[in-house]
Protein backbone atom coordinates (compact mmCIF):
# COMPACT_ATOMS: atom_id res chain seq x y z
CA MET A 1 0.00 0.00 0.00
CA GLY A 2 1.31 3.42 -0.92
CA VAL A 3 2.29 5.73 1.90
CA PRO A 4 2.82 9.49 1.41
CA LYS A 5 6.42 10.62 1.91
CA ARG A 6 5.48 14.12 3.07
CA LYS A 7 2.62 15.84 4.82
CA VAL A 8 0.11 17.50 2.48
CA ALA A 9 0.16 21.27 2.87
CA HIS A 10 -3.09 22.96 3.94
CA ALA A 11 -3.21 25.06 0.77
CA ARG A 12 -2.87 21.98 -1.46
CA GLN A 13 -5.47 20.12 0.61
CA MET A 14 -7.96 22.99 0.32
CA ASP A 15 -7.30 23.33 -3.43
CA ARG A 16 -8.22 19.67 -3.85
CA ARG A 17 -11.44 20.12 -1.82
CA SER A 18 -12.48 23.32 -3.60
CA HIS A 19 -14.99 21.39 -5.75
CA HIS A 20 -16.62 19.52 -2.85
CA ALA A 21 -19.00 22.30 -1.81
CA LEU A 22 -22.73 21.51 -1.73
CA THR A 23 -25.11 23.65 -3.74
CA LEU A 24 -28.80 24.24 -3.21
CA PRO A 25 -31.13 22.90 -5.90
CA LYS A 26 -32.34 25.48 -8.42
CA LEU A 27 -36.07 26.01 -8.02
CA VAL A 28 -38.58 27.62 -10.35
CA GLU A 29 -42.15 28.76 -9.78
CA CYS A 30 -44.98 26.52 -10.98
CA THR A 31 -47.01 28.39 -13.58
CA HIS A 32 -50.28 26.91 -12.29
CA CYS A 33 -50.12 27.01 -8.46
CA HIS A 34 -47.03 29.26 -8.01
CA GLU A 35 -45.31 26.78 -5.67
CA GLN A 36 -41.55 26.21 -5.90
CA LYS A 37 -40.55 23.08 -7.86
CA LEU A 38 -37.55 21.59 -9.65
CA PRO A 39 -37.30 22.63 -13.31
CA HIS A 40 -38.51 20.20 -16.03
CA ARG A 41 -40.48 18.12 -13.50
CA VAL A 42 -44.13 17.71 -12.58
CA CYS A 43 -45.22 20.02 -9.77
CA PRO A 44 -45.60 17.93 -6.59
CA ALA A 45 -48.25 20.35 -5.25
CA CYS A 46 -50.72 20.39 -8.16
CA GLY A 47 -49.57 17.73 -10.67
CA TRP A 48 -49.27 20.13 -13.62
CA TYR A 49 -46.44 20.17 -16.18
CA ASN A 50 -46.07 22.16 -19.39
CA GLY A 51 -49.50 23.78 -19.17
CA ARG A 52 -51.55 20.62 -18.54
CA GLN A 53 -52.33 18.28 -15.66
CA VAL A 54 -50.33 15.09 -16.10
CA ILE A 55 -50.95 13.31 -12.77
CA GLU A 56 -53.98 13.20 -10.51
CA LEU A 57 -53.00 13.82 -6.89
CA LYS A 58 -54.67 11.93 -4.05
CA SER A 59 -56.60 13.87 -1.45
CA VAL A 60 -55.00 14.52 1.94
CA GLY A 61 -57.79 12.71 3.84
CA GLY A 62 -56.88 9.37 2.26
CA ALA A 63 -60.40 8.31 1.20
CA SER A 64 -62.24 9.83 -1.75
CA ALA A 65 -65.49 11.72 -1.24
CA GLY A 66 -67.51 8.88 -2.87
CA GLU A 67 -66.08 6.16 -0.63
CA GLU A 68 -67.54 5.38 2.77
CA SER A 69 -65.68 3.61 5.55
CA ALA A 70 -67.42 0.54 6.97
């Protein structure tokens, strides 16, 4: 196994790690509900993409209005 001959200087170590920084995801506003979403993806709040509804979201209550619990 290779072992370094000399200690790595702090400047060289920080130069190597200069590309390791985390970045926040870029968000855009949904044109339908104005919530923040990732670009080129269906809005998780309303289900719209590119000017039309592409997925039907389930209600928060769990059961639909037409269903009755027994």
